[in-house]
Amino acid sequence: MTIDLQLQQRSAVAVFFLPIITFGIYSIVWLAKTRGEVNRSGAHAMTTWWILCPFGFFWYFWSLAKGIDAVTGLGTGGDYALLLLLGQLGQAIVQARINARVSVPTYAPPVPFAA
């Protein structure tokens, strides 16, 4: 399985404050968008509907953390603990870690100028 890094950079501050403004709705939006990006990158994360099932969110957060680890190599346990124990603060920290990984420049060959 090849992994193609397609995670979007988002403001970690916005990921922290928008759930407060939207009464928690943005947390669900962030989880769904991040899951979609993880799946498009070639990893697998479960559907976001599992957060509505009692105790299903434990399994969902683990699946999402495994997917983020497969795409970015940041580690599964740390992301799982952050998402599970710190809520929206954990989401902001995970997003900041994703941003740091995504912003690593990759080598692009120089484009010759036309004469």
PDB file of N, CA and C in Angstrom:
ATOM      1  N   MET A   1       0.850  -1.174   0.000  1.00  0.00           N
ATOM      2  CA  MET A   1       0.000   0.000   0.000  1.00  0.00           C
ATOM      3  C   MET A   1       0.894   1.234   0.000  1.00  0.00           C
ATOM      4  N   THR A   2       0.691   2.114  -0.954  1.00  0.00           N
ATOM      5  CA  THR A   2       1.465   3.346  -1.005  1.00  0.00           C
ATOM      6  C   THR A   2       0.694   4.450  -0.301  1.00  0.00           C
ATOM      7  N   ILE A   3       1.427   5.279   0.400  1.00  0.00           N
ATOM      8  CA  ILE A   3       0.830   6.375   1.146  1.00  0.00           C
ATOM      9  C   ILE A   3       1.161   7.669   0.426  1.00  0.00           C
ATOM     10  N   ASP A   4       0.139   8.441   0.104  1.00  0.00           N
ATOM     11  CA  ASP A   4       0.294   9.729  -0.555  1.00  0.00           C
ATOM     12  C   ASP A   4      -0.193  10.791   0.420  1.00  0.00           C
ATOM     13  N   LEU A   5       0.695  11.676   0.835  1.00  0.00           N
ATOM     14  CA  LEU A   5       0.379  12.660   1.860  1.00  0.00           C
ATOM     15  C   LEU A   5      -0.570  13.720   1.315  1.00  0.00           C
ATOM     16  N   GLN A   6      -1.846  13.641   1.691  1.00  0.00           N
ATOM     17  CA  GLN A   6      -2.847  14.588   1.220  1.00  0.00           C
ATOM     18  C   GLN A   6      -3.570  15.263   2.374  1.00  0.00           C
ATOM     19  N   LEU A   7      -2.921  15.407   3.513  1.00  0.00           N
ATOM     20  CA  LEU A   7      -3.555  16.068   4.644  1.00  0.00           C
ATOM     21  C   LEU A   7      -3.455  17.578   4.471  1.00  0.00           C
ATOM     22  N   GLN A   8      -4.523  18.255   4.812  1.00  0.00           N
ATOM     23  CA  GLN A   8      -4.588  19.704   4.629  1.00  0.00           C
ATOM     24  C   GLN A   8      -4.081  20.416   5.877  1.00  0.00           C
ATOM     25  N   GLN A   9      -3.355  21.503   5.657  1.00  0.00           N
ATOM     26  CA  GLN A   9      -2.932  22.330   6.782  1.00  0.00           C
ATOM     27  C   GLN A   9      -4.113  23.192   7.220  1.00  0.00           C
ATOM     28  N   ARG A  10      -4.371  23.175   8.517  1.00  0.00           N
ATOM     29  CA  ARG A  10      -5.407  24.017   9.107  1.00  0.00           C
ATOM     30  C   ARG A  10      -4.791  24.733  10.299  1.00  0.00           C
ATOM     31  N   SER A  11      -5.357  25.847  10.651  1.00  0.00           N
ATOM     32  CA  SER A  11      -4.877  26.582  11.805  1.00  0.00           C
ATOM     33  C   SER A  11      -5.215  25.809  13.078  1.00  0.00           C
ATOM     34  N   ALA A  12      -4.207  25.505  13.880  1.00  0.00           N
ATOM     35  CA  ALA A  12      -4.442  24.805  15.140  1.00  0.00           C
ATOM     36  C   ALA A  12      -5.246  25.675  16.099  1.00  0.00           C
ATOM     37  N   VAL A  13      -5.068  26.984  16.020  1.00  0.00           N
ATOM     38  CA  VAL A  13      -5.838  27.903  16.864  1.00  0.00           C
ATOM     39  C   VAL A  13      -7.316  27.839  16.485  1.00  0.00           C
ATOM     40  N   ALA A  14      -7.592  27.786  15.180  1.00  0.00           N
ATOM     41  CA  ALA A  14      -8.982  27.672  14.725  1.00  0.00           C
ATOM     42  C   ALA A  14      -9.577  26.333  15.141  1.00  0.00           C
ATOM     43  N   VAL A  15      -8.780  25.273  15.074  1.00  0.00           N
ATOM     44  CA  VAL A  15      -9.265  23.953  15.483  1.00  0.00           C
ATOM     45  C   VAL A  15      -9.590  23.954  16.973  1.00  0.00           C
ATOM     46  N   PHE A  16      -8.908  24.785  17.751  1.00  0.00           N
ATOM     47  CA  PHE A  16      -9.207  24.876  19.179  1.00  0.00           C
ATOM     48  C   PHE A  16     -10.428  25.756  19.458  1.00  0.00           C
ATOM     49  N   PHE A  17     -10.520  26.931  18.814  1.00  0.00           N
ATOM     50  CA  PHE A  17     -11.575  27.887  19.162  1.00  0.00           C
ATOM     51  C   PHE A  17     -12.898  27.676  18.428  1.00  0.00           C
ATOM     52  N   LEU A  18     -12.892  27.147  17.220  1.00  0.00           N
ATOM     53  CA  LEU A  18     -14.145  26.968  16.485  1.00  0.00           C
ATOM     54  C   LEU A  18     -15.132  26.028  17.181  1.00  0.00           C
ATOM     55  N   PRO A  19     -14.703  24.955  17.842  1.00  0.00           N
ATOM     56  CA  PRO A  19     -15.691  24.154  18.575  1.00  0.00           C
ATOM     57  C   PRO A  19     -16.383  24.927  19.698  1.00  0.00           C
ATOM     58  N   ILE A  20     -15.697  25.892  20.280  1.00  0.00           N
ATOM     59  CA  ILE A  20     -16.320  26.714  21.318  1.00  0.00           C
ATOM     60  C   ILE A  20     -17.404  27.585  20.700  1.00  0.00           C
ATOM     61  N   ILE A  21     -17.090  28.197  19.570  1.00  0.00           N
ATOM     62  CA  ILE A  21     -18.030  29.096  18.900  1.00  0.00           C
ATOM     63  C   ILE A  21     -19.219  28.328  18.332  1.00  0.00           C
ATOM     64  N   THR A  22     -18.980  27.120  17.805  1.00  0.00           N
ATOM     65  CA  THR A  22     -20.043  26.346  17.148  1.00  0.00           C
ATOM     66  C   THR A  22     -20.651  25.295  18.075  1.00  0.00           C
ATOM     67  N   PHE A  23     -20.388  25.396  19.367  1.00  0.00           N
ATOM     68  CA  PHE A  23     -20.943  24.472  20.361  1.00  0.00           C
ATOM     69  C   PHE A  23     -20.586  23.012  20.063  1.00  0.00           C
ATOM     70  N   GLY A  24     -19.371  22.779  19.628  1.00  0.00           N
ATOM     71  CA  GLY A  24     -18.856  21.436  19.429  1.00  0.00           C
ATOM     72  C   GLY A  24     -19.050  20.842  18.049  1.00  0.00           C
ATOM     73  N   ILE A  25     -19.797  21.518  17.194  1.00  0.00           N
ATOM     74  CA  ILE A  25     -20.064  20.967  15.866  1.00  0.00           C
ATOM     75  C   ILE A  25     -18.780  20.897  15.041  1.00  0.00           C
ATOM     76  N   TYR A  26     -17.908  21.906  15.170  1.00  0.00           N
ATOM     77  CA  TYR A  26     -16.681  21.888  14.371  1.00  0.00           C
ATOM     78  C   TYR A  26     -15.774  20.718  14.742  1.00  0.00           C
ATOM     79  N   SER A  27     -15.843  20.238  15.969  1.00  0.00           N
ATOM     80  CA  SER A  27     -15.045  19.059  16.335  1.00  0.00           C
ATOM     81  C   SER A  27     -15.432  17.867  15.475  1.00  0.00           C
ATOM     82  N   ILE A  28     -16.729  17.686  15.265  1.00  0.00           N
ATOM     83  CA  ILE A  28     -17.201  16.584  14.423  1.00  0.00           C
ATOM     84  C   ILE A  28     -16.781  16.819  12.976  1.00  0.00           C
ATOM     85  N   VAL A  29     -16.878  18.074  12.516  1.00  0.00           N
ATOM     86  CA  VAL A  29     -16.461  18.410  11.151  1.00  0.00           C
ATOM     87  C   VAL A  29     -14.972  18.128  10.976  1.00  0.00           C
ATOM     88  N   TRP A  30     -14.153  18.521  11.951  1.00  0.00           N
ATOM     89  CA  TRP A  30     -12.709  18.280  11.866  1.00  0.00           C
ATOM     90  C   TRP A  30     -12.405  16.787  11.816  1.00  0.00           C
ATOM     91  N   LEU A  31     -13.087  16.012  12.660  1.00  0.00           N
ATOM     92  CA  LEU A  31     -12.869  14.566  12.656  1.00  0.00           C
ATOM     93  C   LEU A  31     -13.232  13.965  11.303  1.00  0.00           C
ATOM     94  N   ALA A  32     -14.367  14.386  10.738  1.00  0.00           N
ATOM     95  CA  ALA A  32     -14.816  13.840   9.452  1.00  0.00           C
ATOM     96  C   ALA A  32     -13.866  14.242   8.322  1.00  0.00           C
ATOM     97  N   LYS A  33     -13.445  15.513   8.304  1.00  0.00           N
ATOM     98  CA  LYS A  33     -12.535  15.962   7.244  1.00  0.00           C
ATOM     99  C   LYS A  33     -11.180  15.268   7.345  1.00  0.00           C
ATOM    100  N   THR A  34     -10.660  15.149   8.549  1.00  0.00           N
ATOM    101  CA  THR A  34      -9.365  14.499   8.734  1.00  0.00           C
ATOM    102  C   THR A  34      -9.447  13.027   8.343  1.00  0.00           C
ATOM    103  N   ARG A  35     -10.545  12.356   8.696  1.00  0.00           N
ATOM    104  CA  ARG A  35     -10.732  10.958   8.300  1.00  0.00           C
ATOM    105  C   ARG A  35     -10.769  10.822   6.786  1.00  0.00           C
ATOM    106  N   GLY A  36     -11.474  11.730   6.114  1.00  0.00           N
ATOM    107  CA  GLY A  36     -11.526  11.689   4.657  1.00  0.00           C
ATOM    108  C   GLY A  36     -10.162  11.888   4.024  1.00  0.00           C
ATOM    109  N   GLU A  37      -9.376  12.809   4.566  1.00  0.00           N
ATOM    110  CA  GLU A  37      -8.039  13.059   4.034  1.00  0.00           C
ATOM    111  C   GLU A  37      -7.118  11.868   4.285  1.00  0.00           C
ATOM    112  N   VAL A  38      -7.261  11.242   5.448  1.00  0.00           N
ATOM    113  CA  VAL A  38      -6.461  10.048   5.755  1.00  0.00           C
ATOM    114  C   VAL A  38      -6.804   8.938   4.771  1.00  0.00           C
ATOM    115  N   ASN A  39      -8.086   8.743   4.505  1.00  0.00           N
ATOM    116  CA  ASN A  39      -8.491   7.688   3.566  1.00  0.00           C
ATOM    117  C   ASN A  39      -8.030   8.001   2.148  1.00  0.00           C
ATOM    118  N   ARG A  40      -8.091   9.267   1.733  1.00  0.00           N
ATOM    119  CA  ARG A  40      -7.610   9.638   0.401  1.00  0.00           C
ATOM    120  C   ARG A  40      -6.103   9.466   0.286  1.00  0.00           C
ATOM    121  N   SER A  41      -5.404   9.539   1.405  1.00  0.00           N
ATOM    122  CA  SER A  41      -3.950   9.381   1.395  1.00  0.00           C
ATOM    123  C   SER A  41      -3.524   7.927   1.285  1.00  0.00           C
ATOM    124  N   GLY A  42      -4.455   7.010   1.387  1.00  0.00           N
ATOM    125  CA  GLY A  42      -4.127   5.604   1.225  1.00  0.00           C
ATOM    126  C   GLY A  42      -4.218   4.783   2.493  1.00  0.00           C
ATOM    127  N   ALA A  43      -4.375   5.416   3.641  1.00  0.00           N
ATOM    128  CA  ALA A  43      -4.544   4.680   4.894  1.00  0.00           C
ATOM    129  C   ALA A  43      -6.034   4.385   5.073  1.00  0.00           C
ATOM    130  N   HIS A  44      -6.390   3.770   6.183  1.00  0.00           N
ATOM    131  CA  HIS A  44      -7.794   3.453   6.417  1.00  0.00           C
ATOM    132  C   HIS A  44      -8.188   3.916   7.810  1.00  0.00           C
ATOM    133  N   ALA A  45      -9.271   4.681   7.875  1.00  0.00           N
ATOM    134  CA  ALA A  45      -9.867   5.071   9.147  1.00  0.00           C
ATOM    135  C   ALA A  45     -11.364   4.807   9.051  1.00  0.00           C
ATOM    136  N   MET A  46     -11.951   4.407  10.159  1.00  0.00           N
ATOM    137  CA  MET A  46     -13.373   4.060  10.181  1.00  0.00           C
ATOM    138  C   MET A  46     -14.242   5.290   9.933  1.00  0.00           C
ATOM    139  N   THR A  47     -15.503   5.053   9.652  1.00  0.00           N
ATOM    140  CA  THR A  47     -16.430   6.142   9.420  1.00  0.00           C
ATOM    141  C   THR A  47     -16.668   6.941  10.699  1.00  0.00           C
ATOM    142  N   THR A  48     -16.932   8.213  10.536  1.00  0.00           N
ATOM    143  CA  THR A  48     -17.095   9.118  11.673  1.00  0.00           C
ATOM    144  C   THR A  48     -18.378   8.841  12.445  1.00  0.00           C
ATOM    145  N   TRP A  49     -19.301   8.119  11.879  1.00  0.00           N
ATOM    146  CA  TRP A  49     -20.552   7.800  12.569  1.00  0.00           C
ATOM    147  C   TRP A  49     -20.310   7.049  13.870  1.00  0.00           C
ATOM    148  N   TRP A  50     -19.166   6.413  14.026  1.00  0.00           N
ATOM    149  CA  TRP A  50     -18.874   5.650  15.235  1.00  0.00           C
ATOM    150  C   TRP A  50     -18.792   6.525  16.478  1.00  0.00           C
ATOM    151  N   ILE A  51     -18.592   7.830  16.329  1.00  0.00           N
ATOM    152  CA  ILE A  51     -18.521   8.672  17.531  1.00  0.00           C
ATOM    153  C   ILE A  51     -19.888   8.814  18.190  1.00  0.00           C
ATOM    154  N   LEU A  52     -20.958   8.490  17.473  1.00  0.00           N
ATOM    155  CA  LEU A  52     -22.301   8.562  18.046  1.00  0.00           C
ATOM    156  C   LEU A  52     -22.668   7.310  18.837  1.00  0.00           C
ATOM    157  N   CYS A  53     -21.952   6.236  18.626  1.00  0.00           N
ATOM    158  CA  CYS A  53     -22.216   4.962  19.298  1.00  0.00           C
ATOM    159  C   CYS A  53     -21.533   4.970  20.669  1.00  0.00           C
ATOM    160  N   PRO A  54     -22.262   4.588  21.727  1.00  0.00           N
ATOM    161  CA  PRO A  54     -21.606   4.523  23.039  1.00  0.00           C
ATOM    162  C   PRO A  54     -20.394   3.592  22.987  1.00  0.00           C
ATOM    163  N   PHE A  55     -19.293   4.072  23.453  1.00  0.00           N
ATOM    164  CA  PHE A  55     -18.006   3.385  23.474  1.00  0.00           C
ATOM    165  C   PHE A  55     -17.432   3.147  22.082  1.00  0.00           C
ATOM    166  N   GLY A  56     -18.158   3.490  21.040  1.00  0.00           N
ATOM    167  CA  GLY A  56     -17.634   3.361  19.685  1.00  0.00           C
ATOM    168  C   GLY A  56     -16.580   4.399  19.383  1.00  0.00           C
ATOM    169  N   PHE A  57     -16.624   5.529  20.104  1.00  0.00           N
ATOM    170  CA  PHE A  57     -15.644   6.582  19.841  1.00  0.00           C
ATOM    171  C   PHE A  57     -14.243   6.166  20.263  1.00  0.00           C
ATOM    172  N   PHE A  58     -14.123   5.246  21.234  1.00  0.00           N
ATOM    173  CA  PHE A  58     -12.796   4.723  21.587  1.00  0.00           C
ATOM    174  C   PHE A  58     -12.162   4.051  20.370  1.00  0.00           C
ATOM    175  N   TRP A  59     -12.954   3.206  19.729  1.00  0.00           N
ATOM    176  CA  TRP A  59     -12.506   2.470  18.547  1.00  0.00           C
ATOM    177  C   TRP A  59     -12.241   3.427  17.394  1.00  0.00           C
ATOM    178  N   TYR A  60     -13.129   4.418  17.219  1.00  0.00           N
ATOM    179  CA  TYR A  60     -12.968   5.388  16.132  1.00  0.00           C
ATOM    180  C   TYR A  60     -11.691   6.208  16.313  1.00  0.00           C
ATOM    181  N   PHE A  61     -11.453   6.720  17.531  1.00  0.00           N
ATOM    182  CA  PHE A  61     -10.249   7.520  17.770  1.00  0.00           C
ATOM    183  C   PHE A  61      -8.988   6.686  17.519  1.00  0.00           C
ATOM    184  N   TRP A  62      -9.007   5.393  17.912  1.00  0.00           N
ATOM    185  CA  TRP A  62      -7.855   4.535  17.653  1.00  0.00           C
ATOM    186  C   TRP A  62      -7.655   4.359  16.152  1.00  0.00           C
ATOM    187  N   SER A  63      -8.738   4.152  15.417  1.00  0.00           N
ATOM    188  CA  SER A  63      -8.661   3.983  13.968  1.00  0.00           C
ATOM    189  C   SER A  63      -8.122   5.251  13.302  1.00  0.00           C
ATOM    190  N   LEU A  64      -8.600   6.414  13.745  1.00  0.00           N
ATOM    191  CA  LEU A  64      -8.126   7.681  13.184  1.00  0.00           C
ATOM    192  C   LEU A  64      -6.652   7.900  13.520  1.00  0.00           C
ATOM    193  N   ALA A  65      -6.262   7.605  14.757  1.00  0.00           N
ATOM    194  CA  ALA A  65      -4.856   7.770  15.149  1.00  0.00           C
ATOM    195  C   ALA A  65      -3.951   6.835  14.344  1.00  0.00           C
ATOM    196  N   LYS A  66      -4.405   5.594  14.090  1.00  0.00           N
ATOM    197  CA  LYS A  66      -3.627   4.671  13.254  1.00  0.00           C
ATOM    198  C   LYS A  66      -3.506   5.200  11.833  1.00  0.00           C
ATOM    199  N   GLY A  67      -4.587   5.777  11.303  1.00  0.00           N
ATOM    200  CA  GLY A  67      -4.543   6.335   9.954  1.00  0.00           C
ATOM    201  C   GLY A  67      -3.607   7.525   9.861  1.00  0.00           C
ATOM    202  N   ILE A  68      -3.656   8.409  10.853  1.00  0.00           N
ATOM    203  CA  ILE A  68      -2.760   9.571  10.866  1.00  0.00           C
ATOM    204  C   ILE A  68      -1.313   9.103  10.972  1.00  0.00           C
ATOM    205  N   ASP A  69      -1.075   8.074  11.784  1.00  0.00           N
ATOM    206  CA  ASP A  69       0.279   7.530  11.908  1.00  0.00           C
ATOM    207  C   ASP A  69       0.748   6.925  10.593  1.00  0.00           C
ATOM    208  N   ALA A  70      -0.129   6.219   9.903  1.00  0.00           N
ATOM    209  CA  ALA A  70       0.254   5.606   8.628  1.00  0.00           C
ATOM    210  C   ALA A  70       0.618   6.659   7.593  1.00  0.00           C
ATOM    211  N   VAL A  71      -0.053   7.803   7.644  1.00  0.00           N
ATOM    212  CA  VAL A  71       0.193   8.851   6.658  1.00  0.00           C
ATOM    213  C   VAL A  71       1.391   9.710   7.048  1.00  0.00           C
ATOM    214  N   THR A  72       1.493  10.080   8.328  1.00  0.00           N
ATOM    215  CA  THR A  72       2.515  11.040   8.739  1.00  0.00           C
ATOM    216  C   THR A  72       3.680  10.427   9.497  1.00  0.00           C
ATOM    217  N   GLY A  73       3.494   9.258  10.094  1.00  0.00           N
ATOM    218  CA  GLY A  73       4.548   8.650  10.890  1.00  0.00           C
ATOM    219  C   GLY A  73       4.728   9.304  12.243  1.00  0.00           C
ATOM    220  N   LEU A  74       3.687   9.917  12.779  1.00  0.00           N
ATOM    221  CA  LEU A  74       3.794  10.638  14.042  1.00  0.00           C
ATOM    222  C   LEU A  74       3.610   9.753  15.268  1.00  0.00           C
ATOM    223  N   GLY A  75       3.149   8.546  15.116  1.00  0.00           N
ATOM    224  CA  GLY A  75       2.920   7.658  16.253  1.00  0.00           C
ATOM    225  C   GLY A  75       1.443   7.541  16.569  1.00  0.00           C
ATOM    226  N   THR A  76       1.007   6.334  16.857  1.00  0.00           N
ATOM    227  CA  THR A  76      -0.409   6.080  17.094  1.00  0.00           C
ATOM    228  C   THR A  76      -0.819   6.401  18.520  1.00  0.00           C
ATOM    229  N   GLY A  77      -0.055   5.945  19.494  1.00  0.00           N
ATOM    230  CA  GLY A  77      -0.435   6.088  20.893  1.00  0.00           C
ATOM    231  C   GLY A  77      -0.568   7.523  21.353  1.00  0.00           C
ATOM    232  N   GLY A  78       0.365   8.363  20.946  1.00  0.00           N
ATOM    233  CA  GLY A  78       0.309   9.766  21.352  1.00  0.00           C
ATOM    234  C   GLY A  78      -0.901  10.480  20.792  1.00  0.00           C
ATOM    235  N   ASP A  79      -1.176  10.268  19.511  1.00  0.00           N
ATOM    236  CA  ASP A  79      -2.347  10.904  18.909  1.00  0.00           C
ATOM    237  C   ASP A  79      -3.636  10.384  19.531  1.00  0.00           C
ATOM    238  N   TYR A  80      -3.691   9.085  19.812  1.00  0.00           N
ATOM    239  CA  TYR A  80      -4.879   8.499  20.429  1.00  0.00           C
ATOM    240  C   TYR A  80      -5.110   9.110  21.805  1.00  0.00           C
ATOM    241  N   ALA A  81      -4.061   9.215  22.604  1.00  0.00           N
ATOM    242  CA  ALA A  81      -4.198   9.789  23.942  1.00  0.00           C
ATOM    243  C   ALA A  81      -4.621  11.251  23.871  1.00  0.00           C
ATOM    244  N   LEU A  82      -4.042  12.001  22.937  1.00  0.00           N
ATOM    245  CA  LEU A  82      -4.417  13.406  22.798  1.00  0.00           C
ATOM    246  C   LEU A  82      -5.881  13.553  22.409  1.00  0.00           C
ATOM    247  N   LEU A  83      -6.332  12.784  21.425  1.00  0.00           N
ATOM    248  CA  LEU A  83      -7.719  12.882  20.978  1.00  0.00           C
ATOM    249  C   LEU A  83      -8.688  12.437  22.063  1.00  0.00           C
ATOM    250  N   LEU A  84      -8.348  11.390  22.774  1.00  0.00           N
ATOM    251  CA  LEU A  84      -9.260  10.821  23.754  1.00  0.00           C
ATOM    252  C   LEU A  84      -9.308  11.629  25.045  1.00  0.00           C
ATOM    253  N   LEU A  85      -8.171  12.058  25.540  1.00  0.00           N
ATOM    254  CA  LEU A  85      -8.115  12.666  26.865  1.00  0.00           C
ATOM    255  C   LEU A  85      -8.250  14.183  26.869  1.00  0.00           C
ATOM    256  N   LEU A  86      -7.832  14.854  25.806  1.00  0.00           N
ATOM    257  CA  LEU A  86      -7.818  16.312  25.828  1.00  0.00           C
ATOM    258  C   LEU A  86      -8.891  16.961  24.959  1.00  0.00           C
ATOM    259  N   GLY A  87      -9.678  16.190  24.251  1.00  0.00           N
ATOM    260  CA  GLY A  87     -10.780  16.751  23.472  1.00  0.00           C
ATOM    261  C   GLY A  87     -10.304  17.728  22.418  1.00  0.00           C
ATOM    262  N   GLN A  88     -10.897  18.938  22.425  1.00  0.00           N
ATOM    263  CA  GLN A  88     -10.565  19.904  21.376  1.00  0.00           C
ATOM    264  C   GLN A  88      -9.135  20.409  21.499  1.00  0.00           C
ATOM    265  N   LEU A  89      -8.568  20.452  22.686  1.00  0.00           N
ATOM    266  CA  LEU A  89      -7.158  20.812  22.823  1.00  0.00           C
ATOM    267  C   LEU A  89      -6.286  19.732  22.180  1.00  0.00           C
ATOM    268  N   GLY A  90      -6.654  18.480  22.366  1.00  0.00           N
ATOM    269  CA  GLY A  90      -5.942  17.385  21.717  1.00  0.00           C
ATOM    270  C   GLY A  90      -6.051  17.452  20.208  1.00  0.00           C
ATOM    271  N   GLN A  91      -7.234  17.826  19.703  1.00  0.00           N
ATOM    272  CA  GLN A  91      -7.399  17.985  18.261  1.00  0.00           C
ATOM    273  C   GLN A  91      -6.484  19.082  17.736  1.00  0.00           C
ATOM    274  N   ALA A  92      -6.376  20.182  18.477  1.00  0.00           N
ATOM    275  CA  ALA A  92      -5.511  21.286  18.051  1.00  0.00           C
ATOM    276  C   ALA A  92      -4.044  20.850  18.039  1.00  0.00           C
ATOM    277  N   ILE A  93      -3.627  20.082  19.039  1.00  0.00           N
ATOM    278  CA  ILE A  93      -2.241  19.621  19.092  1.00  0.00           C
ATOM    279  C   ILE A  93      -1.960  18.640  17.955  1.00  0.00           C
ATOM    280  N   VAL A  94      -2.897  17.721  17.698  1.00  0.00           N
ATOM    281  CA  VAL A  94      -2.726  16.777  16.593  1.00  0.00           C
ATOM    282  C   VAL A  94      -2.660  17.536  15.273  1.00  0.00           C
ATOM    283  N   GLN A  95      -3.508  18.562  15.103  1.00  0.00           N
ATOM    284  CA  GLN A  95      -3.482  19.350  13.871  1.00  0.00           C
ATOM    285  C   GLN A  95      -2.153  20.088  13.732  1.00  0.00           C
ATOM    286  N   ALA A  96      -1.615  20.619  14.827  1.00  0.00           N
ATOM    287  CA  ALA A  96      -0.313  21.292  14.767  1.00  0.00           C
ATOM    288  C   ALA A  96       0.783  20.301  14.372  1.00  0.00           C
ATOM    289  N   ARG A  97       0.701  19.072  14.871  1.00  0.00           N
ATOM    290  CA  ARG A  97       1.678  18.043  14.494  1.00  0.00           C
ATOM    291  C   ARG A  97       1.536  17.667  13.027  1.00  0.00           C
ATOM    292  N   ILE A  98       0.290  17.582  12.549  1.00  0.00           N
ATOM    293  CA  ILE A  98       0.058  17.299  11.125  1.00  0.00           C
ATOM    294  C   ILE A  98       0.621  18.434  10.284  1.00  0.00           C
ATOM    295  N   ASN A  99       0.375  19.686  10.698  1.00  0.00           N
ATOM    296  CA  ASN A  99       0.886  20.840   9.953  1.00  0.00           C
ATOM    297  C   ASN A  99       2.406  20.803   9.863  1.00  0.00           C
ATOM    298  N   ALA A 100       3.061  20.449  10.964  1.00  0.00           N
ATOM    299  CA  ALA A 100       4.525  20.390  10.960  1.00  0.00           C
ATOM    300  C   ALA A 100       5.020  19.309  10.003  1.00  0.00           C
ATOM    301  N   ARG A 101       4.303  18.206   9.920  1.00  0.00           N
ATOM    302  CA  ARG A 101       4.711  17.110   9.026  1.00  0.00           C
ATOM    303  C   ARG A 101       4.416  17.446   7.571  1.00  0.00           C
ATOM    304  N   VAL A 102       3.276  18.086   7.321  1.00  0.00           N
ATOM    305  CA  VAL A 102       2.883  18.407   5.948  1.00  0.00           C
ATOM    306  C   VAL A 102       3.762  19.512   5.378  1.00  0.00           C
ATOM    307  N   SER A 103       4.224  20.438   6.216  1.00  0.00           N
ATOM    308  CA  SER A 103       4.985  21.584   5.723  1.00  0.00           C
ATOM    309  C   SER A 103       6.436  21.249   5.415  1.00  0.00           C
ATOM    310  N   VAL A 104       6.861  20.016   5.685  1.00  0.00           N
ATOM    311  CA  VAL A 104       8.229  19.622   5.349  1.00  0.00           C
ATOM    312  C   VAL A 104       8.358  19.656   3.835  1.00  0.00           C
ATOM    313  N   PRO A 105       9.258  20.493   3.313  1.00  0.00           N
ATOM    314  CA  PRO A 105       9.347  20.609   1.854  1.00  0.00           C
ATOM    315  C   PRO A 105       9.928  19.341   1.235  1.00  0.00           C
ATOM    316  N   THR A 106       9.399  19.005   0.116  1.00  0.00           N
ATOM    317  CA  THR A 106       9.941  17.891  -0.650  1.00  0.00           C
ATOM    318  C   THR A 106      10.728  18.467  -1.815  1.00  0.00           C
ATOM    319  N   TYR A 107      11.686  17.721  -2.312  1.00  0.00           N
ATOM    320  CA  TYR A 107      12.529  18.203  -3.385  1.00  0.00           C
ATOM    321  C   TYR A 107      11.743  18.236  -4.682  1.00  0.00           C
ATOM    322  N   ALA A 108      11.796  19.366  -5.341  1.00  0.00           N
ATOM    323  CA  ALA A 108      11.202  19.505  -6.671  1.00  0.00           C
ATOM    324  C   ALA A 108      12.316  19.918  -7.617  1.00  0.00           C
ATOM    325  N   PRO A 109      12.433  19.256  -8.743  1.00  0.00           N
ATOM    326  CA  PRO A 109      13.503  19.625  -9.673  1.00  0.00           C
ATOM    327  C   PRO A 109      13.281  21.035 -10.204  1.00  0.00           C
ATOM    328  N   PRO A 110      14.358  21.777 -10.426  1.00  0.00           N
ATOM    329  CA  PRO A 110      14.208  23.147 -10.927  1.00  0.00           C
ATOM    330  C   PRO A 110      13.604  23.153 -12.327  1.00  0.00           C
ATOM    331  N   VAL A 111      12.802  24.155 -12.564  1.00  0.00           N
ATOM    332  CA  VAL A 111      12.165  24.312 -13.872  1.00  0.00           C
ATOM    333  C   VAL A 111      13.021  25.266 -14.692  1.00  0.00           C
ATOM    334  N   PRO A 112      13.454  24.865 -15.867  1.00  0.00           N
ATOM    335  CA  PRO A 112      14.288  25.763 -16.680  1.00  0.00           C
ATOM    336  C   PRO A 112      13.457  26.926 -17.216  1.00  0.00           C
ATOM    337  N   PHE A 113      14.092  28.081 -17.267  1.00  0.00           N
ATOM    338  CA  PHE A 113      13.435  29.264 -17.810  1.00  0.00           C
ATOM    339  C   PHE A 113      13.483  29.234 -19.332  1.00  0.00           C
ATOM    340  N   ALA A 114      12.445  29.753 -19.935  1.00  0.00           N
ATOM    341  CA  ALA A 114      12.417  29.827 -21.403  1.00  0.00           C
ATOM    342  C   ALA A 114      13.314  30.977 -21.856  1.00  0.00           C
ATOM    343  N   ALA A 115      14.036  30.778 -22.933  1.00  0.00           N
ATOM    344  CA  ALA A 115      14.958  31.808 -23.409  1.00  0.00           C
ATOM    345  C   ALA A 115      14.293  32.738 -24.379  1.00  0.00           C
TER     346      ALA A 115
END
